[in-house]
Protein backbone atom coordinates (compact mmCIF):
# COMPACT_ATOMS: atom_id res chain seq x y z
CA UNK A 1 0.00 0.05 0.07
CA UNK A 2 2.94 2.23 0.90
CA UNK A 3 4.45 1.90 -2.85
CA UNK A 4 1.06 2.62 -4.52
CA UNK A 5 1.23 5.87 -2.29
CA UNK A 6 4.85 6.90 -3.54
CA UNK A 7 4.14 6.02 -6.91
CA UNK A 8 0.77 7.89 -7.19
CA UNK A 9 3.11 10.74 -5.41
CA UNK A 10 5.91 10.47 -7.73
CA UNK A 11 3.43 10.41 -11.15
CA UNK A 12 2.04 13.63 -9.46
CA UNK A 13 5.27 15.13 -9.10
CA UNK A 14 6.01 14.30 -12.33
CA UNK A 15 3.26 15.61 -13.97
CA UNK A 16 3.29 18.56 -11.90
CA UNK A 17 6.65 19.74 -13.32
CA UNK A 18 5.51 18.41 -16.55
CA UNK A 19 2.88 21.49 -16.54
CA UNK A 20 5.08 23.85 -15.33
CA UNK A 21 3.86 23.83 -12.02
CA UNK A 22 0.91 26.19 -11.15
CA UNK A 23 2.36 28.64 -8.59
CA UNK A 24 4.89 30.60 -10.96
CA UNK A 25 4.08 33.85 -12.01
CA UNK A 26 2.98 34.71 -14.93
CA UNK A 27 6.41 36.50 -16.72
CA UNK A 28 8.44 33.50 -16.25
CA UNK A 29 5.81 31.48 -17.86
CA UNK A 30 5.57 34.16 -20.45
CA UNK A 31 9.18 33.37 -20.86
CA UNK A 32 9.65 29.75 -21.22
CA UNK A 33 6.55 29.97 -23.79
CA UNK A 34 8.66 32.74 -26.02
CA UNK A 35 11.58 30.73 -25.77
CA UNK A 36 10.21 27.21 -26.64
CA UNK A 37 8.27 29.19 -29.80
CA UNK A 38 11.71 30.79 -30.53
CA UNK A 39 13.36 27.67 -30.25
CA UNK A 40 10.44 25.75 -32.47
CA UNK A 41 11.06 28.40 -35.25
CA UNK A 42 14.47 28.17 -35.21
CA UNK A 43 13.76 24.08 -35.57
CA UNK A 44 11.48 24.40 -38.46
CA UNK A 45 13.69 27.45 -40.51
CA UNK A 46 16.78 24.87 -40.16
CA UNK A 47 14.22 21.94 -40.89
CA UNK A 48 12.30 23.07 -43.73
CA UNK A 49 15.47 23.57 -46.01
CA UNK A 50 16.80 19.88 -45.56
CA UNK A 51 13.34 18.68 -46.62
CA UNK A 52 12.94 20.76 -49.42
CA UNK A 53 16.55 19.53 -50.64
CA UNK A 54 15.42 15.65 -49.88
CA UNK A 55 12.04 16.42 -51.71
CA UNK A 56 14.40 17.84 -54.74
CA UNK A 57 16.72 14.68 -54.66
CA UNK A 58 13.46 12.44 -54.56
CA UNK A 59 11.97 14.42 -57.09
CA UNK A 60 15.23 14.20 -59.62
CA UNK A 61 15.59 10.66 -58.85
CA UNK A 62 11.88 9.82 -60.24
CA UNK A 63 12.58 12.28 -63.19
CA UNK A 64 16.04 9.70 -63.77
CA UNK A 65 13.42 6.45 -63.19
CA UNK A 66 10.97 7.72 -65.37
CA UNK A 67 13.46 9.36 -68.22
CA UNK A 68 14.89 5.63 -68.92
CA UNK A 69 11.87 4.07 -69.04
CA UNK A 70 11.33 7.53 -71.92
CA UNK A 71 14.25 5.95 -73.57
CA UNK A 72 14.31 4.40 -76.84
CA UNK A 73 15.29 0.74 -76.76
CA UNK A 74 17.73 1.35 -79.57
CA UNK A 75 19.05 4.25 -77.48
CA UNK A 76 19.18 1.81 -74.73
CA UNK A 77 21.21 -0.81 -76.94
CA UNK A 78 23.67 1.39 -78.15
CA UNK A 79 24.65 2.45 -74.75
CA UNK A 80 25.22 -0.81 -73.47
CA UNK A 81 27.16 -1.64 -77.15
CA UNK A 82 29.41 1.61 -76.33
CA UNK A 83 30.17 0.32 -72.48
CA UNK A 84 31.45 -3.14 -74.16
CA UNK A 85 33.73 -0.68 -76.86
CA UNK A 86 34.77 0.96 -74.12
CA UNK A 87 35.40 -2.09 -71.34
CA UNK A 88 36.50 -4.18 -73.37
CA UNK A 89 38.62 -2.78 -76.28
CA UNK A 90 39.93 0.42 -74.55
CA UNK A 91 38.23 2.83 -77.42
CA UNK A 92 37.95 6.30 -77.45
CA UNK A 93 34.77 8.67 -76.91
CA UNK A 94 34.97 9.82 -80.65
CA UNK A 95 36.01 6.26 -81.82
CA UNK A 96 33.05 4.96 -79.76
CA UNK A 97 31.01 6.97 -81.66
CA UNK A 98 31.96 6.36 -85.29
CA UNK A 99 31.69 2.75 -84.44
CA UNK A 100 27.88 3.12 -83.18
CA UNK A 101 26.81 4.56 -86.13
CA UNK A 102 29.41 2.97 -88.94
CA UNK A 103 27.59 1.01 -91.68
CA UNK A 104 30.52 -1.45 -91.26
CA UNK A 105 29.80 -1.26 -87.56
CA UNK A 106 26.89 -0.96 -85.31
CA UNK A 107 24.69 1.04 -87.80
CA UNK A 108 23.17 3.03 -84.75
CA UNK A 109 21.55 6.22 -85.73
CA UNK A 110 23.28 9.20 -84.76
CA UNK A 111 20.86 10.43 -81.88
CA UNK A 112 21.05 6.75 -80.29
CA UNK A 113 24.90 7.00 -80.98
CA UNK A 114 25.23 10.32 -79.13
CA UNK A 115 22.30 9.02 -76.32
CA UNK A 116 24.95 6.51 -75.69
CA UNK A 117 28.25 8.71 -75.73
CA UNK A 118 26.53 11.70 -73.11
CA UNK A 119 25.33 8.88 -70.91
CA UNK A 120 28.09 6.50 -70.87
CA UNK A 121 30.21 7.94 -67.14
CA UNK A 122 33.95 6.25 -68.41
CA UNK A 123 37.23 6.92 -67.51
CA UNK A 124 38.76 7.70 -71.34
CA UNK A 125 42.22 8.64 -69.98
CA UNK A 126 42.39 4.96 -68.63
CA UNK A 127 41.18 3.71 -72.10
CA UNK A 128 44.03 5.54 -73.49
CA UNK A 129 46.41 4.10 -71.19
CA UNK A 130 45.54 0.91 -71.79
CA UNK A 131 45.47 0.75 -75.48
CA UNK A 132 49.15 2.72 -74.95
CA UNK A 133 50.09 -0.26 -73.06
CA UNK A 134 48.76 -2.78 -76.04
CA UNK A 135 50.55 -1.04 -78.97
CA UNK A 136 53.86 -1.17 -76.15
CA UNK A 137 53.51 -4.77 -75.73
CA UNK A 138 52.63 -6.00 -78.73
CA UNK A 139 54.28 -3.60 -81.60
CA UNK A 140 57.41 -2.23 -79.57
CA UNK A 141 56.66 0.87 -81.00
CA UNK A 142 58.19 4.31 -79.37
CA UNK A 143 56.42 6.50 -76.68
CA UNK A 144 55.98 9.22 -80.14
CA UNK A 145 54.47 6.61 -82.70
CA UNK A 146 52.11 5.96 -79.27
CA UNK A 147 51.04 8.92 -79.01
CA UNK A 148 50.71 9.87 -82.78
CA UNK A 149 48.40 6.27 -83.20
CA UNK A 150 46.17 7.67 -80.19
CA UNK A 151 44.80 10.99 -81.25
CA UNK A 152 45.04 9.83 -85.25
CA UNK A 153 41.95 10.71 -87.02
CA UNK A 154 42.43 7.34 -88.46
CA UNK A 155 43.42 5.66 -85.45
CA UNK A 156 41.96 5.43 -81.85
CA UNK A 157 40.64 9.13 -81.70
CA UNK A 158 41.36 9.71 -78.27
CA UNK A 159 42.18 13.52 -77.35
CA UNK A 160 45.60 15.01 -76.77
CA UNK A 161 44.86 15.25 -73.00
CA UNK A 162 43.93 11.54 -73.23
CA UNK A 163 46.87 10.56 -74.75
CA UNK A 164 49.36 12.98 -72.79
CA UNK A 165 48.18 11.35 -69.70
CA UNK A 166 49.05 7.59 -71.55
CA UNK A 167 51.79 8.35 -72.19
CA UNK A 168 52.65 10.01 -69.05
CA UNK A 169 51.83 7.28 -67.20
CA UNK A 170 53.13 4.07 -69.92
CA UNK A 171 55.41 1.59 -67.94
């Protein structure tokens, strides 16, 4: 019985403390209310932009997903083929585009090939380096000959920057 009285007493005190008590003066209660409202307003200000950013990211992701669904099958196929050329044959961006659009290559329409190039995220400097290593090992070519082959419009079609990266990092 004594335990029940103590529990009720403790709960009453907690309830009284949570309510702020009824014996305090109205000025201090008003100050507490103002402080709570200010803190709440501050939290609202910081939470709203974060929430907006999260919502914007979610909208962008949804748009990307819906855009992927809107992409024609042939464009997706061109992108898949472009990735294969980049990954397996270490081709340059221009080389892949030409291969995709060539009547002797893949025969994709220019729009599909451009979509593939625009959406393929690839490190072409690394491709230039791998291609340079192939030329050095298989054909025992000089650095200047490799560079020329890498940038040639009849060769690999890498940019001068990509080709120089390859020569600079060739082992």
